Amino acid sequence: MAQQTVTKEDFESLLMDSFVDNEPLEGAVVKGTVVAIEKDLAIIDVGLKTEGRIALKEFGQAGRDGTIKVGSIVEVYVDRVENAAGEAVLSREKARREESWVKLEEMYNANERVEGTIFNQVKGGFTVDLEGAIAFLPRSQVDIRPIRDIAPLMNVLQPFQILKMDKRRGNIVVSRRAILEESRAEQRSEIVQQLEEGQVVDGVVKNITDYGAFVDLGGIDGLLHVTDIAWRRVNHPSEVLTIGETIKVQIVRINHESHRISLGMKQLQSDPWDGIEAKYPINAKFTGRVTNITDYGAFVELEPGIEGLIHVSEMSWTKKNVHPGKIVSTSQEVDVLVLEVDPDKRRISLGLKQTLQNPWESFAEKFPVGSVIEGEVKNKTEFGLFIGLEGDVDGMVHLSDLDWQKSGEVALEDHNRGDIVSAKVLDVDVEKERISLGIKQLAAGEASAASEAGGEPGGIRKGAVVTGTVIEVNDGGIEVRIADTDMTAFIRRADLSRDRNDQRPERFSKGEKVDARVTQYDRKTSRIQLSIKALEIAEEKEAVANYGSSDSGASLGDILGAALKGRDSN
């Protein structure tokens, strides 16, 4: 076989062809020439062995209106140098995308706005065309507030802010909300500069919440708090305002850093608390309306903007542990008495029970001491009975006033809750709200003992010294039966001795005899009060008077010893 000879010119030609074949065009954007147009395809030569085909629609408007013609120079993306059909695989869209990425990265790094078009809705948001590059617009970044209808924003060229770019993954995230907030901030700043505290302006109620209303002041919102709507109590802003309503407000406060504006309506009216002490003097009676009820009382509106509190302790003479809601109701008209006015703290204390007659005063007028009444046993305690009386008040029968013959504890067993009993009124203390009753004082022959001088049974009179036999001992004191009578008396713990250490009921025993001084005797009610302490004090005074003074050098013990010796010898 004859050997083929390769000339120098042939070698150079083959070398150049190899350079063309191996030129790294794949994945690059290159310029090409439109060499033909077939139906909806453009045939483009980019200097490869074969041409490539690109659909005219990839050229956008230029492909649709005939701008792309034979001879036009266009930029295309080389996807593959040659496919199975031997043609170059080209793309105009990928070329536009590559161009856009370079441009967008520069704008993203410079924190510049970009323009794009929302063209489709996807899960969680929308897709935006940024001149060929596709970006994701999250639903939360569409507007400042949630938007219901996206249609007016579709296919409209508008600005966006790039939040994140990742070319390796092909991800771009944009925001329309950031643009709006920036524009709004500039607008708010400009409007705030024109406003001053104390200025009166018109605004439109934009939104109503539980705590107030947002008012549009012409591009910026101010908060009208519920407490600044009116001087009177407003439970909810919707009671006074409606959305879309135009109102006149005063600018109460401006925060120039946060652009927050506080508004007020009540500030445009005169303060009803001015001169409050003259309008509502103490002990004056007024009629008001219950506006609110709490655990500790009820608020009563005396006039719009002026409320007073009826404390639970001032609501009823007799209902001490009852919730205010069981005594008054919301919107009820009530008569109240002014108890206290504090203009600095803007507080008025009111009384409800003071407008009604004190039931203890009424009882004292109708049933003076010595009167006989009838009532139901409401409660039994270790120290006596509580009797329900007229006027919804209670009276107490002490153990010592139950029976002449029986001890208090034994006599107490004769009575049960619900029993109807008769008793004599022994004492009425209006201030302490106490009524003392006696049952034994109604017994026949209660003071039938032989009378001594003065007509008192058994010689009993105030100041007299009597001897008694202990018949009952309890924590509160001792009960004794007075000698030569059928009368009993109760000696309280504090009256058992002058010495506090000896004021112990347990040092006495049943059957023991004790001397005591009569400190009180009511002949009408046959009520007796005895005191051992009073007797000791009286004897000490008498001893000092009769046997000398401690100033003479004798001790008090010596003096008392002499006095007792003298008493025993008699």
Protein backbone atom coordinates (compact mmCIF):
# COMPACT_ATOMS: atom_id res chain seq x y z
CA MET A 1 0.00 0.00 0.00
CA ALA A 2 1.29 3.39 -0.91
CA GLN A 3 1.96 5.59 2.17
CA GLN A 4 -0.07 8.85 2.21
CA THR A 5 2.05 11.95 2.52
CA VAL A 6 0.75 14.79 4.82
CA THR A 7 1.84 18.25 3.81
CA LYS A 8 2.53 21.13 6.18
CA GLU A 9 -0.63 22.93 5.04
CA ASP A 10 -2.82 19.88 5.72
CA PHE A 11 -1.41 19.55 9.26
CA GLU A 12 -2.16 23.18 10.09
CA SER A 13 -5.74 22.78 8.80
CA LEU A 14 -6.35 19.66 10.88
CA LEU A 15 -4.91 21.37 13.96
CA MET A 16 -7.24 24.37 13.61
CA ASP A 17 -10.24 22.05 13.14
CA SER A 18 -9.34 20.25 16.37
CA PHE A 19 -9.20 23.57 18.23
CA VAL A 20 -12.69 24.44 16.97
CA ASP A 21 -14.10 21.02 17.90
CA ASN A 22 -12.66 21.19 21.43
CA GLU A 23 -13.54 24.82 22.18
CA PRO A 24 -15.40 24.78 25.53
CA LEU A 25 -18.73 26.24 24.31
CA GLU A 26 -21.07 23.98 26.29
CA GLY A 27 -22.64 25.82 29.24
CA ALA A 28 -21.68 29.21 27.87
CA VAL A 29 -23.60 32.14 26.41
CA VAL A 30 -22.38 32.97 22.91
CA LYS A 31 -23.44 35.18 20.01
CA GLY A 32 -24.99 33.56 16.97
CA THR A 33 -26.46 34.56 13.63
CA VAL A 34 -29.98 33.76 12.44
CA VAL A 35 -29.39 31.99 9.09
CA ALA A 36 -32.98 30.92 8.45
CA ILE A 37 -36.52 30.99 9.85
CA GLU A 38 -38.68 27.93 9.41
CA LYS A 39 -42.28 28.30 10.59
CA ASP A 40 -41.94 29.04 14.37
CA LEU A 41 -38.23 28.13 14.59
CA ALA A 42 -35.08 30.19 14.12
CA ILE A 43 -32.01 28.43 12.66
CA ILE A 44 -28.92 29.88 14.38
CA ASP A 45 -25.25 29.47 13.51
CA VAL A 46 -22.88 29.81 16.48
CA GLY A 47 -19.74 28.66 14.62
CA LEU A 48 -20.12 24.97 15.28
CA LYS A 49 -20.20 22.17 12.73
CA THR A 50 -23.99 22.38 12.66
CA GLU A 51 -26.59 24.99 13.43
CA GLY A 52 -29.11 24.87 16.27
CA ARG A 53 -32.86 25.52 16.40
CA ILE A 54 -34.67 27.79 18.90
CA ALA A 55 -38.43 28.39 19.08
CA LEU A 56 -39.30 32.01 18.24
CA LYS A 57 -41.43 32.27 21.42
CA GLU A 58 -38.23 32.07 23.48
CA PHE A 59 -37.31 35.50 22.10
CA GLY A 60 -40.45 36.95 23.69
CA GLN A 61 -42.02 39.94 21.98
CA ALA A 62 -39.17 40.13 19.46
CA GLY A 63 -39.98 36.63 18.27
CA ARG A 64 -43.70 37.37 18.02
CA ASP A 65 -43.61 40.68 16.15
CA GLY A 66 -41.07 39.63 13.46
CA THR A 67 -38.11 41.57 14.84
CA ILE A 68 -36.01 38.42 14.66
CA LYS A 69 -35.01 38.03 10.97
CA VAL A 70 -32.38 36.27 8.89
CA GLY A 71 -29.09 37.96 9.71
CA SER A 72 -30.07 39.03 13.25
CA ILE A 73 -27.33 38.63 15.85
CA VAL A 74 -28.62 37.04 19.06
CA GLU A 75 -27.17 35.70 22.33
CA VAL A 76 -27.95 32.05 23.06
CA TYR A 77 -26.97 29.44 25.63
CA VAL A 78 -25.11 26.34 24.31
CA ASP A 79 -26.65 23.42 26.13
CA ARG A 80 -24.87 20.73 24.00
CA VAL A 81 -22.53 21.03 21.04
CA GLU A 82 -24.21 18.11 19.26
CA ASN A 83 -27.21 15.91 20.00
CA ALA A 84 -28.23 12.53 18.59
CA ALA A 85 -29.52 14.24 15.44
CA GLY A 86 -26.17 15.94 14.92
CA GLU A 87 -27.55 19.42 15.78
CA ALA A 88 -26.38 21.95 18.37
CA VAL A 89 -28.78 22.28 21.33
CA LEU A 90 -29.33 26.01 21.98
CA SER A 91 -31.61 27.99 24.36
CA ARG A 92 -32.55 31.65 24.41
CA GLU A 93 -34.35 31.34 27.76
CA LYS A 94 -31.27 29.91 29.46
CA ALA A 95 -29.21 32.69 27.92
CA ARG A 96 -31.61 35.29 29.33
CA ARG A 97 -31.49 33.49 32.69
CA GLU A 98 -27.69 33.53 32.77
CA GLU A 99 -27.69 37.22 31.87
CA SER A 100 -30.27 37.90 34.59
CA TRP A 101 -28.34 35.96 37.29
CA VAL A 102 -25.21 38.03 36.69
CA LYS A 103 -27.20 41.26 36.78
CA LEU A 104 -29.28 40.18 39.78
CA GLU A 105 -26.23 39.15 41.81
CA GLU A 106 -24.74 42.59 41.26
CA MET A 107 -28.00 44.26 42.37
CA TYR A 108 -28.37 41.90 45.36
CA ASN A 109 -24.84 42.71 46.56
CA ALA A 110 -25.56 46.42 46.15
CA ASN A 111 -28.92 46.01 48.03
CA GLU A 112 -30.79 47.49 45.05
CA ARG A 113 -34.39 46.86 44.08
CA VAL A 114 -35.22 44.66 41.12
CA GLU A 115 -38.23 44.61 38.83
CA GLY A 116 -40.29 41.58 38.00
CA THR A 117 -43.72 40.18 37.23
CA ILE A 118 -45.85 37.81 39.31
CA PHE A 119 -47.05 35.21 36.81
CA ASN A 120 -48.07 32.07 38.71
CA GLN A 121 -49.28 30.77 42.08
CA VAL A 122 -47.49 27.86 43.76
CA LYS A 123 -47.62 26.19 47.17
CA GLY A 124 -46.82 28.73 49.86
CA GLY A 125 -46.57 31.71 47.52
CA PHE A 126 -46.03 32.87 43.93
CA THR A 127 -43.43 32.78 41.13
CA VAL A 128 -41.92 35.99 39.80
CA ASP A 129 -40.18 36.53 36.45
CA LEU A 130 -37.07 38.69 36.97
CA GLU A 131 -36.17 39.22 33.30
CA GLY A 132 -35.69 35.53 32.69
CA ALA A 133 -34.71 34.36 36.19
CA ILE A 134 -37.54 32.76 38.17
CA ALA A 135 -37.88 33.82 41.82
CA PHE A 136 -40.13 32.69 44.69
CA LEU A 137 -42.38 35.20 46.46
CA PRO A 138 -43.64 33.81 49.83
CA ARG A 139 -47.27 34.61 50.61
CA SER A 140 -46.22 36.47 53.78
CA GLN A 141 -44.03 38.80 51.68
CA VAL A 142 -46.74 39.95 49.26
CA ASP A 143 -48.12 42.81 51.37
CA ILE A 144 -47.89 44.40 54.82
CA ARG A 145 -51.25 42.88 55.74
CA PRO A 146 -52.73 39.59 54.50
CA ILE A 147 -54.16 40.09 51.02
CA ARG A 148 -57.24 38.21 49.85
CA ASP A 149 -57.19 38.84 46.10
CA ILE A 150 -53.85 38.59 44.27
CA ALA A 151 -55.36 39.10 40.82
CA PRO A 152 -54.69 42.89 40.58
CA LEU A 153 -50.98 42.21 41.20
CA MET A 154 -50.57 39.46 38.56
CA ASN A 155 -48.63 40.19 35.33
CA VAL A 156 -47.81 43.72 36.45
CA LEU A 157 -44.20 44.93 36.36
CA GLN A 158 -43.35 46.08 39.91
CA PRO A 159 -40.36 46.40 42.26
CA PHE A 160 -39.11 43.66 44.59
CA GLN A 161 -36.33 43.23 47.14
CA ILE A 162 -34.11 40.14 46.88
CA LEU A 163 -33.97 38.41 50.27
CA LYS A 164 -31.79 35.40 49.32
CA MET A 165 -29.91 33.99 46.30
CA ASP A 166 -28.39 30.54 45.78
CA LYS A 167 -27.09 30.06 42.22
CA ARG A 168 -25.95 26.49 42.83
CA ARG A 169 -29.52 25.49 43.68
CA GLY A 170 -31.06 28.05 41.36
CA ASN A 171 -33.08 29.65 44.21
CA ILE A 172 -34.07 33.29 44.48
CA VAL A 173 -36.43 34.59 47.20
CA VAL A 174 -37.93 38.08 46.82
CA SER A 175 -40.20 40.35 48.85
CA ARG A 176 -42.76 42.94 47.81
CA ARG A 177 -43.59 43.70 51.46
CA ALA A 178 -40.08 45.04 52.14
CA ILE A 179 -40.58 47.63 49.41
CA LEU A 180 -43.95 48.69 50.82
CA GLU A 181 -42.62 48.91 54.39
CA GLU A 182 -39.70 51.03 53.28
CA SER A 183 -41.98 53.37 51.36
CA ARG A 184 -44.40 53.43 54.27
CA ALA A 185 -41.61 54.21 56.74
CA GLU A 186 -40.51 57.15 54.61
CA GLN A 187 -44.11 58.34 54.36
CA ARG A 188 -44.71 57.87 58.10
CA SER A 189 -41.54 59.77 58.96
CA GLU A 190 -42.63 62.67 56.78
CA ILE A 191 -46.13 62.73 58.30
CA VAL A 192 -44.85 62.42 61.87
CA GLN A 193 -42.62 65.45 61.36
CA GLN A 194 -45.74 67.48 60.59
CA LEU A 195 -47.60 66.42 63.77
CA GLU A 196 -47.30 67.85 67.28
CA GLU A 197 -48.48 66.70 70.69
CA GLY A 198 -51.70 68.47 71.66
CA GLN A 199 -52.68 68.96 68.01
CA VAL A 200 -56.32 68.22 67.09
CA VAL A 201 -56.78 66.32 63.82
CA ASP A 202 -59.43 64.35 61.92
CA GLY A 203 -58.98 60.63 61.42
CA VAL A 204 -60.81 57.58 60.10
CA VAL A 205 -61.40 54.55 62.31
CA LYS A 206 -59.49 51.78 60.54
CA ASN A 207 -59.72 48.88 62.98
CA ILE A 208 -61.30 48.13 66.38
CA THR A 209 -59.83 45.80 69.03
CA ASP A 210 -60.66 44.97 72.65
CA TYR A 211 -58.13 47.51 73.91
CA GLY A 212 -58.83 50.40 71.54
CA ALA A 213 -59.13 51.57 67.93
CA PHE A 214 -56.57 52.30 65.19
CA VAL A 215 -57.22 55.60 63.48
CA ASP A 216 -55.80 56.54 60.04
CA LEU A 217 -54.41 60.07 60.16
CA GLY A 218 -53.76 60.21 56.43
CA GLY A 219 -51.03 57.66 55.83
CA ILE A 220 -50.10 56.85 59.39
CA ASP A 221 -52.08 55.05 62.12
CA GLY A 222 -52.53 56.20 65.71
CA LEU A 223 -53.88 54.18 68.64
CA LEU A 224 -56.93 55.47 70.48
CA HIS A 225 -56.89 53.47 73.73
CA VAL A 226 -60.24 52.45 75.22
CA THR A 227 -59.51 54.52 78.36
CA ASP A 228 -59.02 57.66 76.23
CA ILE A 229 -62.28 57.39 74.29
CA ALA A 230 -64.49 58.96 76.99
CA TRP A 231 -64.32 60.04 80.62
CA ARG A 232 -66.99 57.48 81.46
CA ARG A 233 -66.35 53.73 81.53
CA VAL A 234 -66.28 52.17 78.03
CA ASN A 235 -66.33 48.36 78.17
CA HIS A 236 -65.56 47.95 74.47
CA PRO A 237 -64.63 50.54 71.80
CA SER A 238 -67.40 49.24 69.52
CA GLU A 239 -69.92 50.76 71.97
CA VAL A 240 -68.81 54.21 70.76
CA LEU A 241 -66.97 53.78 67.42
CA THR A 242 -67.59 52.12 64.05
CA ILE A 243 -65.08 51.20 61.33
CA GLY A 244 -64.95 53.85 58.61
CA GLU A 245 -66.23 56.60 60.90
CA THR A 246 -64.45 59.98 60.79
CA ILE A 247 -63.66 61.31 64.27
CA LYS A 248 -61.83 64.25 65.79
CA VAL A 249 -58.94 63.30 68.06
CA GLN A 250 -56.13 64.95 69.96
CA ILE A 251 -52.52 63.77 69.65
CA VAL A 252 -51.58 62.81 73.19
CA ARG A 253 -48.09 61.39 72.63
CA ILE A 254 -45.62 60.90 69.73
CA ASN A 255 -42.69 58.49 69.76
CA HIS A 256 -40.43 59.79 66.97
CA GLU A 257 -38.22 56.70 67.04
CA SER A 258 -40.93 54.07 66.65
CA HIS A 259 -43.41 56.44 64.93
CA ARG A 260 -46.09 55.39 67.41
CA ILE A 261 -48.83 57.90 68.04
CA SER A 262 -51.24 57.86 71.00
CA LEU A 263 -54.60 59.57 70.50
CA GLY A 264 -57.40 60.75 72.75
CA MET A 265 -61.04 61.77 72.38
CA LYS A 266 -61.93 62.51 75.98
CA GLN A 267 -59.17 65.14 76.10
CA LEU A 268 -61.36 67.32 73.85
CA GLN A 269 -64.01 67.46 76.60
CA SER A 270 -63.88 69.13 80.02
CA ASP A 271 -62.67 66.92 82.88
CA PRO A 272 -65.70 65.99 85.03
CA TRP A 273 -63.38 65.57 88.04
CA ASP A 274 -62.67 69.31 88.19
CA GLY A 275 -64.31 70.66 91.36
CA ILE A 276 -65.42 67.17 92.34
CA GLU A 277 -65.40 67.87 96.10
CA ALA A 278 -67.94 70.64 95.71
CA LYS A 279 -70.20 68.57 93.47
CA TYR A 280 -70.16 65.52 95.73
CA PRO A 281 -69.75 66.58 99.38
CA ILE A 282 -69.25 63.95 102.09
CA ASN A 283 -72.47 62.53 103.61
CA ALA A 284 -74.52 63.77 100.65
CA LYS A 285 -76.97 61.32 99.12
CA PHE A 286 -77.12 60.68 95.33
CA THR A 287 -78.67 58.25 92.87
CA GLY A 288 -76.41 56.35 90.47
CA ARG A 289 -76.30 53.38 88.10
CA VAL A 290 -74.32 50.19 88.79
CA THR A 291 -71.79 49.79 85.93
CA ASN A 292 -69.55 46.97 87.13
CA ILE A 293 -69.53 44.35 89.88
CA THR A 294 -66.38 42.76 91.33
CA ASP A 295 -65.53 40.49 94.26
CA TYR A 296 -64.65 43.51 96.39
CA GLY A 297 -67.61 45.75 95.59
CA ALA A 298 -69.63 47.51 92.91
CA PHE A 299 -68.89 50.59 90.78
CA VAL A 300 -71.65 53.18 90.50
CA GLU A 301 -71.76 55.90 87.83
CA LEU A 302 -72.90 59.17 89.37
CA GLU A 303 -72.60 61.05 86.06
CA PRO A 304 -70.79 60.38 82.76
CA GLY A 305 -67.10 60.08 83.65
CA ILE A 306 -67.62 59.94 87.43
CA GLU A 307 -67.72 56.55 89.12
CA GLY A 308 -67.54 55.65 92.78
CA LEU A 309 -66.93 52.35 94.53
CA ILE A 310 -69.25 50.76 97.05
CA HIS A 311 -66.92 48.48 98.99
CA VAL A 312 -68.41 45.12 99.92
CA SER A 313 -68.26 46.14 103.60
CA GLU A 314 -70.52 49.14 102.88
CA MET A 315 -73.22 47.27 100.96
CA SER A 316 -75.40 45.74 103.67
CA TRP A 317 -75.84 46.00 107.42
CA THR A 318 -76.47 42.30 107.86
CA LYS A 319 -75.10 40.44 104.78
CA LYS A 320 -71.43 40.34 105.71
CA ASN A 321 -70.02 37.51 103.61
CA VAL A 322 -72.17 37.76 100.49
CA HIS A 323 -70.91 38.49 96.95
CA PRO A 324 -71.89 42.01 95.81
CA GLY A 325 -73.66 40.48 92.80
CA LYS A 326 -76.27 39.03 95.15
CA ILE A 327 -77.06 42.46 96.58
CA VAL A 328 -77.07 44.65 93.44
CA SER A 329 -77.14 44.00 89.68
CA THR A 330 -75.57 45.72 86.69
CA SER A 331 -77.55 48.75 85.38
CA GLN A 332 -79.58 48.92 88.62
CA GLU A 333 -80.37 52.39 89.93
CA VAL A 334 -79.29 52.72 93.59
CA ASP A 335 -79.19 55.43 96.26
CA VAL A 336 -75.72 55.93 97.75
CA LEU A 337 -74.05 58.11 100.37
CA VAL A 338 -70.69 59.81 99.70
CA LEU A 339 -68.20 58.57 102.31
CA GLU A 340 -64.90 59.91 100.94
CA VAL A 341 -63.64 61.92 97.94
CA ASP A 342 -60.00 61.85 96.77
CA PRO A 343 -59.58 64.18 93.75
CA ASP A 344 -55.86 63.38 93.38
CA LYS A 345 -56.44 59.64 93.02
CA ARG A 346 -59.77 60.28 91.27
CA ARG A 347 -61.63 58.04 93.71
CA ILE A 348 -64.99 58.32 95.43
CA SER A 349 -65.99 55.92 98.20
CA LEU A 350 -69.72 55.30 98.46
CA GLY A 351 -71.99 53.59 100.94
CA LEU A 352 -75.18 51.71 100.14
CA LYS A 353 -76.17 50.54 103.61
CA GLN A 354 -75.93 54.09 104.96
CA THR A 355 -79.00 55.04 102.91
CA LEU A 356 -81.00 52.45 104.86
CA GLN A 357 -81.86 52.56 108.56
CA ASN A 358 -79.45 50.74 110.84
CA PRO A 359 -81.37 47.56 111.86
CA TRP A 360 -79.77 47.62 115.32
CA GLU A 361 -81.04 51.19 115.87
CA SER A 362 -84.48 50.11 114.63
CA PHE A 363 -84.44 47.13 116.99
CA ALA A 364 -83.37 49.26 119.98
CA GLU A 365 -86.20 51.71 119.29
CA LYS A 366 -88.83 49.02 118.91
CA PHE A 367 -87.55 46.66 121.63
CA PRO A 368 -85.94 48.58 124.52
CA VAL A 369 -84.09 46.76 127.31
CA GLY A 370 -86.52 44.62 129.28
CA SER A 371 -88.72 43.83 126.26
CA VAL A 372 -89.70 40.23 125.62
CA ILE A 373 -89.11 38.96 122.09
CA GLU A 374 -89.52 35.69 120.23
CA GLY A 375 -87.17 34.21 117.66
CA GLU A 376 -85.72 31.11 116.05
CA VAL A 377 -82.51 29.47 117.27
CA LYS A 378 -80.15 30.01 114.32
CA ASN A 379 -76.98 28.55 115.82
CA LYS A 380 -75.54 26.83 118.91
CA THR A 381 -71.98 27.52 120.07
CA GLU A 382 -69.93 26.58 123.09
CA PHE A 383 -70.75 29.93 124.69
CA GLY A 384 -74.46 30.28 123.95
CA LEU A 385 -77.34 30.53 121.45
CA PHE A 386 -77.84 32.89 118.50
CA ILE A 387 -81.47 33.89 117.99
CA GLY A 388 -82.81 35.30 114.69
CA LEU A 389 -84.68 38.54 115.32
CA GLU A 390 -86.79 41.05 113.43
CA GLY A 391 -84.84 43.15 110.95
CA ASP A 392 -82.57 40.26 109.91
CA VAL A 393 -80.36 40.70 113.01
CA ASP A 394 -79.22 38.13 115.58
CA GLY A 395 -79.22 38.26 119.35
CA MET A 396 -77.12 36.09 121.65
CA VAL A 397 -78.12 34.28 124.83
CA HIS A 398 -74.98 33.62 126.87
CA LEU A 399 -74.61 30.31 128.70
CA SER A 400 -75.01 32.11 132.01
CA ASP A 401 -78.39 33.52 130.92
CA LEU A 402 -80.02 30.23 129.92
CA ASP A 403 -81.27 28.81 133.24
CA TRP A 404 -81.21 29.64 136.97
CA GLN A 405 -80.99 26.07 138.17
CA LYS A 406 -78.85 24.30 135.53
CA SER A 407 -75.29 24.91 134.47
CA GLY A 408 -74.84 26.63 131.09
CA GLU A 409 -73.62 23.54 129.25
CA VAL A 410 -76.46 21.41 130.58
CA ALA A 411 -79.06 24.09 129.79
CA LEU A 412 -77.63 24.44 126.25
CA GLU A 413 -78.57 20.82 125.52
CA ASP A 414 -82.24 21.73 126.04
CA HIS A 415 -82.22 23.85 122.87
CA ASN A 416 -81.77 22.94 119.20
CA ARG A 417 -81.47 24.83 115.94
CA GLY A 418 -84.88 25.75 114.59
CA ASP A 419 -86.52 26.00 118.02
CA ILE A 420 -88.70 29.04 118.65
CA VAL A 421 -87.82 30.59 122.00
CA SER A 422 -88.80 33.63 124.04
CA ALA A 423 -86.18 35.84 125.66
CA LYS A 424 -85.77 39.16 127.41
CA VAL A 425 -83.70 41.97 125.86
CA LEU A 426 -80.79 42.59 128.24
CA ASP A 427 -78.67 45.01 126.21
CA VAL A 428 -78.40 46.53 122.72
CA ASP A 429 -74.99 47.88 121.56
CA VAL A 430 -75.65 49.68 118.27
CA GLU A 431 -71.99 50.52 117.57
CA LYS A 432 -70.76 46.96 118.09
CA GLU A 433 -73.92 45.58 116.46
CA ARG A 434 -74.64 43.27 119.41
CA ILE A 435 -77.88 42.29 121.12
CA SER A 436 -77.73 40.44 124.45
CA LEU A 437 -80.71 38.29 125.41
CA GLY A 438 -81.66 36.24 128.46
CA ILE A 439 -83.97 33.23 128.74
CA LYS A 440 -83.66 32.53 132.46
CA GLN A 441 -84.82 36.06 133.24
CA LEU A 442 -88.32 35.03 132.09
CA ALA A 443 -88.52 32.13 134.57
CA ALA A 444 -91.13 32.47 137.36
CA GLY A 445 -89.68 33.15 140.82
CA GLU A 446 -86.33 34.10 139.38
CA ALA A 447 -85.70 36.41 142.32
CA SER A 448 -87.94 34.92 144.99
CA ALA A 449 -85.17 34.70 147.60
CA ALA A 450 -85.72 36.57 150.79
CA SER A 451 -85.07 40.26 150.26
CA GLU A 452 -82.70 42.22 152.38
CA ALA A 453 -82.41 45.97 152.88
CA GLY A 454 -83.05 47.80 149.67
CA GLY A 455 -85.29 45.07 148.38
CA GLU A 456 -82.52 43.24 146.49
CA PRO A 457 -82.71 39.38 146.57
CA GLY A 458 -80.09 37.82 148.80
CA GLY A 459 -78.64 41.24 149.59
CA ILE A 460 -77.29 41.49 146.07
CA ARG A 461 -76.46 45.00 145.02
CA LYS A 462 -73.66 46.69 143.11
CA GLY A 463 -70.49 46.69 145.22
CA ALA A 464 -71.63 43.87 147.52
CA VAL A 465 -69.39 40.85 148.19
CA VAL A 466 -71.06 37.49 147.63
CA THR A 467 -70.02 33.89 147.95
CA GLY A 468 -70.64 31.51 145.11
CA THR A 469 -70.17 27.83 144.39
CA VAL A 470 -68.44 26.88 141.12
CA ILE A 471 -70.86 24.86 138.99
CA GLU A 472 -69.12 25.05 135.58
CA VAL A 473 -65.55 25.68 134.30
CA ASN A 474 -64.71 26.48 130.65
CA ASP A 475 -62.06 28.36 128.67
CA GLY A 476 -63.91 31.68 128.94
CA GLY A 477 -64.30 31.66 132.74
CA ILE A 478 -66.34 30.02 135.51
CA GLU A 479 -70.06 29.91 136.31
CA VAL A 480 -71.12 30.12 139.96
CA ARG A 481 -74.36 29.80 141.92
CA ILE A 482 -74.72 32.60 144.47
CA ALA A 483 -75.23 31.39 148.05
CA ASP A 484 -78.77 31.56 149.53
CA THR A 485 -80.29 32.28 146.09
CA ASP A 486 -81.21 30.43 142.92
CA MET A 487 -79.25 32.97 140.88
CA THR A 488 -76.18 32.13 138.79
CA ALA A 489 -73.53 34.39 137.34
CA PHE A 490 -70.62 34.00 134.97
CA ILE A 491 -67.17 35.31 135.97
CA ARG A 492 -65.08 36.03 132.90
CA ARG A 493 -61.44 34.92 132.63
CA ALA A 494 -60.19 38.53 132.90
CA ASP A 495 -62.11 38.91 136.21
CA LEU A 496 -60.73 35.75 137.86
CA SER A 497 -57.71 37.49 139.41
CA ARG A 498 -55.75 40.69 139.52
CA ASP A 499 -52.62 38.68 138.71
CA ARG A 500 -52.62 37.77 135.03
CA ASN A 501 -50.88 34.47 135.76
CA ASP A 502 -53.84 33.46 137.96
CA GLN A 503 -56.48 34.28 135.33
CA ARG A 504 -56.77 30.59 134.53
CA PRO A 505 -60.22 28.98 134.80
CA GLU A 506 -58.64 25.54 135.24
CA ARG A 507 -57.30 26.46 138.69
CA PHE A 508 -60.91 26.31 139.92
CA SER A 509 -62.88 23.13 140.35
CA LYS A 510 -66.60 22.33 140.57
CA GLY A 511 -67.99 22.70 144.09
CA GLU A 512 -65.27 25.15 145.15
CA LYS A 513 -66.49 28.26 146.95
CA VAL A 514 -65.26 31.68 145.84
CA ASP A 515 -65.83 35.25 147.02
CA ALA A 516 -66.50 37.92 144.40
CA ARG A 517 -67.66 41.50 144.17
CA VAL A 518 -70.88 42.47 142.37
CA THR A 519 -69.77 44.89 139.62
CA GLN A 520 -73.17 45.22 137.96
CA TYR A 521 -76.72 44.26 138.86
CA ASP A 522 -79.73 45.07 136.71
CA ARG A 523 -82.80 44.51 138.84
CA LYS A 524 -85.08 44.81 135.85
CA THR A 525 -83.35 42.02 133.93
CA SER A 526 -81.89 40.24 137.01
CA ARG A 527 -78.53 40.22 135.27
CA ILE A 528 -75.50 39.98 137.56
CA GLN A 529 -71.82 40.51 136.84
CA LEU A 530 -69.22 39.29 139.39
CA SER A 531 -65.47 39.89 139.60
CA ILE A 532 -62.86 38.30 141.88
CA LYS A 533 -60.36 40.79 140.52
CA ALA A 534 -62.49 43.74 141.63
CA LEU A 535 -62.73 42.25 145.14
CA GLU A 536 -58.93 41.84 145.36
CA ILE A 537 -58.37 45.44 144.26
CA ALA A 538 -60.93 46.74 146.77
CA GLU A 539 -59.40 44.73 149.62
CA GLU A 540 -55.95 46.01 148.75
CA LYS A 541 -57.12 49.61 148.83
CA GLU A 542 -58.89 49.01 152.14
CA ALA A 543 -55.77 47.37 153.63
CA VAL A 544 -53.55 50.25 152.62
CA ALA A 545 -56.05 52.71 154.11
CA ASN A 546 -56.49 50.82 157.42
CA TYR A 547 -53.06 49.33 158.12
CA GLY A 548 -50.61 51.85 156.77
CA SER A 549 -48.85 52.89 153.62
CA SER A 550 -45.99 51.27 151.80
CA ASP A 551 -44.22 54.61 152.18
CA SER A 552 -43.73 53.83 155.87
CA GLY A 553 -41.33 51.02 155.01
CA ALA A 554 -43.81 48.15 155.33
CA SER A 555 -44.15 45.95 152.27
CA LEU A 556 -47.46 45.50 150.51
CA GLY A 557 -47.35 41.85 151.59
CA ASP A 558 -47.03 42.90 155.23
CA ILE A 559 -49.97 45.24 154.90
CA LEU A 560 -52.18 42.65 153.19
CA GLY A 561 -51.12 40.02 155.72
CA ALA A 562 -52.19 42.27 158.55
CA ALA A 563 -55.46 43.01 156.80
CA LEU A 564 -56.25 39.33 156.25
CA LYS A 565 -55.32 38.49 159.86
CA GLY A 566 -57.62 41.21 161.08
CA ARG A 567 -60.43 39.93 158.82
CA ASP A 568 -59.97 36.35 160.05
CA SER A 569 -60.03 37.37 163.72
CA ASN A 570 -63.36 39.04 163.13
